[in-house]
Amino acid sequence: MPAGSDTLCPNNHRHWQGITPMKIGITGAEGRIGGFLRSGLDPKYKIKSFTLAPQAFESTVADVSDASSMPGKFEGLQAVIHLAGDPSPTGSWESMLRNNIIGTFNVLEEARRSGVKKVIFASTNHTQHGETMTDSPNELDMSKRVMLRLGDYFNPSSIYGASKATGEIYGRLFARKHGVQFVAMRIGAIGNDDTPLRAVGTPGENYVRAMYLSRRDLITAFTKALEIDREFTVAYAVSNNGRRIFDLRETNEVLGFYPQDDAETFFAGQK
């Protein structure tokens, strides 16, 4: 086979340079990011989708917050992208406990039992940006000009952010104690329309301009996370925004993710 070529196997998944595609699971595959990753990763990986309820696309129903529903779900998978949970910055403690903390623990435990090599965790920018926000979890305080680093201590702006920080801590435990590689992706702001212009004129405009994550950069970031061979990694999944408040240098170096897009290009020429 010529270098760089690929062929289709009978199940319509590609063999890239003759290599059988990695089998990965995606929890919360019915969500916005889940949809982007299903379509963006499908040509290169064999994907098994997990959803809370039956969908129009092929999926396996699993409630990650219910440990009794998890045994056997991850058998045969090499990696799991864990997106399932409550994504609301204003969500209740009860929801965060059940869906984000217990749910993440259950996913890690089933990954351990099933021999899954890696879990990629949908963490959030909200784990740190209490340092930069107003009283609202989605409004940037422009008087606070800082550049946060991955090693800076957690400073969540909401119960949601705290629940995701807890998920990162459990991931560190499972990586060290059980050998499950763990990648925490601190995801920025991503919308259905792949543009930050949806926030123009709203209180959240500055936040979105700092945290914007393009669909292209999302796919690249998660591809890099699937490829990295490292016990424990935390990385920023945000585009290379002119107004960003996260220092991307460590993410560039460790994950090999160099985002291509910048929210400010959408605002060029606007007053």
Protein backbone atom coordinates (compact mmCIF):
# COMPACT_ATOMS: atom_id res chain seq x y z
CA MET A 1 0.00 0.00 0.00
CA PRO A 2 1.42 3.46 -0.85
CA ALA A 3 2.49 5.53 2.15
CA GLY A 4 -0.32 7.67 3.51
CA SER A 5 -3.07 5.70 1.76
CA ASP A 6 -6.06 4.07 3.38
CA THR A 7 -8.64 1.47 2.48
CA LEU A 8 -12.15 0.74 3.63
CA CYS A 9 -12.73 -2.39 5.63
CA PRO A 10 -16.08 -4.28 5.46
CA ASN A 11 -17.63 -2.32 8.35
CA ASN A 12 -16.87 0.94 6.51
CA HIS A 13 -14.20 1.99 8.96
CA ARG A 14 -10.86 2.88 7.44
CA HIS A 15 -7.61 1.07 7.91
CA TRP A 16 -5.17 3.95 8.04
CA GLN A 17 -1.91 2.78 6.53
CA GLY A 18 -3.01 -0.81 7.14
CA ILE A 19 -3.64 -0.32 10.87
CA THR A 20 -6.95 -1.46 12.35
CA PRO A 21 -8.66 1.61 13.84
CA MET A 22 -8.63 2.09 17.59
CA LYS A 23 -11.91 1.18 19.27
CA ILE A 24 -13.14 4.06 21.40
CA GLY A 25 -16.28 4.72 23.40
CA ILE A 26 -17.95 8.09 23.80
CA THR A 27 -20.26 8.64 26.76
CA GLY A 28 -22.77 11.44 26.37
CA ALA A 29 -22.54 10.92 22.61
CA GLU A 30 -25.92 12.56 22.08
CA GLY A 31 -24.69 15.96 23.29
CA ARG A 32 -23.30 18.82 21.22
CA ILE A 33 -19.64 17.91 21.68
CA GLY A 34 -20.47 14.23 21.37
CA GLY A 35 -22.02 14.89 17.97
CA PHE A 36 -18.99 16.85 16.77
CA LEU A 37 -16.61 14.11 17.92
CA ARG A 38 -18.69 11.29 16.45
CA SER A 39 -18.51 12.89 13.02
CA GLY A 40 -15.01 14.31 13.33
CA LEU A 41 -13.29 11.19 14.67
CA ASP A 42 -15.27 8.55 12.78
CA PRO A 43 -13.02 8.31 9.69
CA LYS A 44 -10.03 7.32 11.83
CA TYR A 45 -11.52 5.50 14.84
CA LYS A 46 -14.13 2.81 15.41
CA ILE A 47 -16.62 4.51 17.72
CA LYS A 48 -19.11 3.00 20.15
CA SER A 49 -21.61 5.61 21.35
CA PHE A 50 -23.15 5.58 24.82
CA THR A 51 -26.30 7.61 25.44
CA LEU A 52 -28.79 8.07 28.25
CA ALA A 53 -31.73 7.14 25.99
CA PRO A 54 -32.14 5.53 22.54
CA GLN A 55 -31.15 7.80 19.64
CA ALA A 56 -31.66 8.01 15.90
CA PHE A 57 -28.03 6.87 15.52
CA GLU A 58 -26.67 3.54 16.78
CA SER A 59 -25.90 3.70 20.48
CA THR A 60 -25.75 1.69 23.69
CA VAL A 61 -27.98 2.99 26.49
CA ALA A 62 -26.09 3.52 29.74
CA ASP A 63 -26.65 5.76 32.75
CA VAL A 64 -23.13 6.40 34.00
CA SER A 65 -24.49 7.63 37.33
CA ASP A 66 -25.92 4.13 37.98
CA ALA A 67 -23.07 1.72 38.69
CA SER A 68 -25.34 -1.27 38.12
CA SER A 69 -25.81 -0.27 34.46
CA MET A 70 -22.08 -0.18 33.68
CA PRO A 71 -20.61 -3.71 33.94
CA GLY A 72 -19.50 -5.00 30.56
CA LYS A 73 -20.23 -1.79 28.68
CA PHE A 74 -16.57 -1.02 27.89
CA GLU A 75 -15.41 -4.51 26.97
CA GLY A 76 -13.13 -4.48 23.94
CA LEU A 77 -12.56 -0.72 23.99
CA GLN A 78 -9.08 0.78 24.02
CA ALA A 79 -10.11 4.28 25.10
CA VAL A 80 -13.18 6.08 26.43
CA ILE A 81 -14.01 9.73 25.89
CA HIS A 82 -16.15 10.65 28.88
CA LEU A 83 -18.52 13.50 28.05
CA ALA A 84 -21.66 12.44 29.94
CA GLY A 85 -22.71 14.68 32.81
CA ASP A 86 -24.51 17.86 33.71
CA PRO A 87 -22.83 20.73 31.79
CA SER A 88 -24.71 23.59 33.45
CA PRO A 89 -22.63 26.13 35.43
CA THR A 90 -25.80 26.82 37.45
CA GLY A 91 -26.70 23.18 38.08
CA SER A 92 -27.65 21.93 41.53
CA TRP A 93 -25.39 20.10 43.95
CA GLU A 94 -27.59 17.01 43.72
CA SER A 95 -27.17 16.90 39.95
CA MET A 96 -23.44 17.52 40.08
CA LEU A 97 -22.95 14.81 42.68
CA ARG A 98 -24.94 12.21 40.76
CA ASN A 99 -24.05 13.01 37.17
CA ASN A 100 -20.55 14.48 37.37
CA ILE A 101 -18.84 13.08 40.45
CA ILE A 102 -20.43 9.64 40.87
CA GLY A 103 -20.81 9.27 37.11
CA THR A 104 -17.12 9.95 36.49
CA PHE A 105 -16.07 7.54 39.23
CA ASN A 106 -18.28 4.84 37.69
CA VAL A 107 -16.75 5.39 34.26
CA LEU A 108 -13.21 5.14 35.65
CA GLU A 109 -14.06 2.03 37.64
CA GLU A 110 -15.59 0.31 34.61
CA ALA A 111 -12.58 1.32 32.51
CA ARG A 112 -10.33 -0.30 35.10
CA ARG A 113 -12.41 -3.49 35.18
CA SER A 114 -12.54 -3.72 31.40
CA GLY A 115 -8.85 -3.10 30.77
CA VAL A 116 -9.42 0.19 28.93
CA LYS A 117 -6.03 1.81 28.43
CA LYS A 118 -7.14 5.45 28.50
CA VAL A 119 -9.96 7.75 29.64
CA ILE A 120 -10.24 11.23 28.15
CA PHE A 121 -12.27 13.39 30.46
CA ALA A 122 -14.34 16.40 29.45
CA SER A 123 -13.20 18.79 32.14
CA THR A 124 -13.84 22.52 31.87
CA ASN A 125 -12.32 25.97 31.94
CA HIS A 126 -14.58 26.52 34.96
CA THR A 127 -12.14 24.60 37.18
CA GLN A 128 -9.85 27.65 37.27
CA HIS A 129 -11.46 30.84 36.17
CA GLY A 130 -12.94 31.95 39.47
CA GLU A 131 -9.87 34.17 39.38
CA THR A 132 -11.10 35.96 36.26
CA MET A 133 -14.89 36.04 36.39
CA THR A 134 -17.58 38.33 37.76
CA ASP A 135 -20.29 36.93 40.03
CA SER A 136 -21.72 35.21 36.95
CA PRO A 137 -19.98 31.97 35.85
CA ASN A 138 -20.14 33.09 32.21
CA GLU A 139 -18.98 36.72 32.44
CA LEU A 140 -15.32 37.66 32.23
CA ASP A 141 -14.11 40.49 34.46
CA MET A 142 -11.98 42.51 32.04
CA SER A 143 -10.28 44.37 34.90
CA LYS A 144 -8.58 41.10 35.89
CA ARG A 145 -5.91 40.56 33.24
CA VAL A 146 -4.17 37.33 34.12
CA MET A 147 -2.73 34.40 32.18
CA LEU A 148 -3.57 31.18 33.97
CA ARG A 149 -1.41 28.05 33.77
CA LEU A 150 -2.30 24.39 34.09
CA GLY A 151 -0.35 24.13 37.34
CA ASP A 152 -2.26 26.94 39.03
CA TYR A 153 -4.46 25.67 41.81
CA PHE A 154 -8.14 24.98 41.24
CA ASN A 155 -10.31 28.07 41.56
CA PRO A 156 -13.77 27.01 40.37
CA SER A 157 -16.44 29.59 39.73
CA SER A 158 -19.37 27.24 40.39
CA ILE A 159 -20.36 23.88 41.85
CA TYR A 160 -20.09 22.63 38.28
CA GLY A 161 -16.43 23.68 38.10
CA ALA A 162 -15.77 22.04 41.45
CA SER A 163 -17.38 18.80 40.27
CA LYS A 164 -15.09 18.71 37.23
CA ALA A 165 -12.05 19.41 39.41
CA THR A 166 -13.12 16.41 41.48
CA GLY A 167 -13.22 14.34 38.30
CA GLU A 168 -9.64 15.33 37.53
CA ILE A 169 -8.58 14.25 41.02
CA TYR A 170 -10.22 10.85 40.63
CA GLY A 171 -8.52 10.52 37.25
CA ARG A 172 -5.15 11.15 38.90
CA LEU A 173 -5.92 8.42 41.44
CA PHE A 174 -6.90 5.85 38.82
CA ALA A 175 -3.86 6.67 36.68
CA ARG A 176 -1.43 6.22 39.55
CA LYS A 177 -3.11 3.31 41.31
CA HIS A 178 -4.61 1.33 38.44
CA GLY A 179 -2.63 2.34 35.35
CA VAL A 180 -5.58 3.86 33.48
CA GLN A 181 -4.10 6.70 31.45
CA PHE A 182 -6.09 9.88 32.01
CA VAL A 183 -6.30 13.05 29.95
CA ALA A 184 -8.32 15.96 31.36
CA MET A 185 -9.38 18.39 28.65
CA ARG A 186 -10.33 21.79 30.09
CA ILE A 187 -12.78 22.66 27.36
CA GLY A 188 -13.63 26.24 26.42
CA ALA A 189 -16.79 27.62 24.79
CA ILE A 190 -18.14 25.76 21.77
CA GLY A 191 -21.49 26.40 20.11
CA ASN A 192 -23.65 24.77 17.47
CA ASP A 193 -22.77 27.35 14.82
CA ASP A 194 -18.94 27.22 15.12
CA THR A 195 -18.59 30.97 15.63
CA PRO A 196 -18.22 33.25 18.67
CA LEU A 197 -20.48 35.88 17.09
CA ARG A 198 -23.50 34.36 18.85
CA ALA A 199 -22.34 36.18 21.99
CA VAL A 200 -22.07 39.67 20.47
CA GLY A 201 -23.81 42.25 22.66
CA THR A 202 -24.45 39.80 25.50
CA PRO A 203 -22.88 39.84 28.99
CA GLY A 204 -20.95 36.74 28.00
CA GLU A 205 -19.24 38.22 24.92
CA ASN A 206 -15.81 38.72 26.50
CA TYR A 207 -15.94 35.26 28.04
CA VAL A 208 -16.72 33.61 24.69
CA ARG A 209 -14.00 35.60 22.93
CA ALA A 210 -11.50 34.34 25.48
CA MET A 211 -12.74 30.75 25.64
CA TYR A 212 -13.86 30.09 22.05
CA LEU A 213 -13.12 26.58 20.79
CA SER A 214 -13.62 25.97 17.08
CA ARG A 215 -14.89 22.64 15.83
CA ARG A 216 -11.62 22.08 13.95
CA ASP A 217 -9.54 22.69 17.07
CA LEU A 218 -11.86 20.46 19.12
CA ILE A 219 -11.30 17.50 16.80
CA THR A 220 -7.55 18.09 16.72
CA ALA A 221 -7.31 18.35 20.52
CA PHE A 222 -9.15 15.08 21.12
CA THR A 223 -7.20 13.32 18.39
CA LYS A 224 -3.98 14.35 20.12
CA ALA A 225 -5.41 13.14 23.43
CA LEU A 226 -6.13 9.73 21.91
CA GLU A 227 -2.60 9.51 20.52
CA ILE A 228 -0.59 10.60 23.57
CA ASP A 229 1.09 7.87 25.64
CA ARG A 230 1.32 9.39 29.10
CA GLU A 231 0.05 8.40 32.56
CA PHE A 232 -1.69 11.65 33.44
CA THR A 233 -2.22 14.81 31.41
CA VAL A 234 -4.16 18.03 31.83
CA ALA A 235 -4.58 20.28 28.80
CA TYR A 236 -6.52 23.30 27.63
CA ALA A 237 -8.98 22.72 24.80
CA VAL A 238 -9.42 26.31 23.64
CA SER A 239 -8.55 27.99 20.37
CA ASN A 240 -5.59 30.33 19.98
CA ASN A 241 -7.69 33.35 20.92
CA GLY A 242 -6.21 36.82 21.13
CA ARG A 243 -8.15 37.41 24.34
CA ARG A 244 -7.47 34.04 25.92
CA ILE A 245 -6.66 33.87 29.62
CA PHE A 246 -5.00 30.44 29.51
CA ASP A 247 -1.31 29.96 28.78
CA LEU A 248 -1.20 27.34 26.00
CA ARG A 249 2.52 26.66 26.04
CA GLU A 250 2.40 23.53 28.21
CA THR A 251 -0.56 22.19 26.24
CA ASN A 252 1.42 22.81 23.04
CA GLU A 253 4.45 20.97 24.36
CA VAL A 254 2.89 18.07 26.25
CA LEU A 255 -0.18 17.30 24.15
CA GLY A 256 1.22 18.48 20.83
CA PHE A 257 -1.94 20.52 20.31
CA TYR A 258 -1.39 23.83 18.54
CA PRO A 259 -4.85 25.37 17.95
CA GLN A 260 -5.30 27.06 14.59
CA ASP A 261 -8.28 29.36 15.11
CA ASP A 262 -8.78 32.68 16.90
CA ALA A 263 -12.12 34.18 17.94
CA GLU A 264 -10.84 37.63 17.04
CA THR A 265 -10.77 36.83 13.32
CA PHE A 266 -14.59 36.84 13.42
CA PHE A 267 -14.59 40.36 14.84
CA ALA A 268 -12.12 41.86 12.36
CA GLY A 269 -13.55 45.06 10.88
CA GLN A 270 -16.39 45.24 13.41
CA LYS A 271 -16.79 48.24 15.65
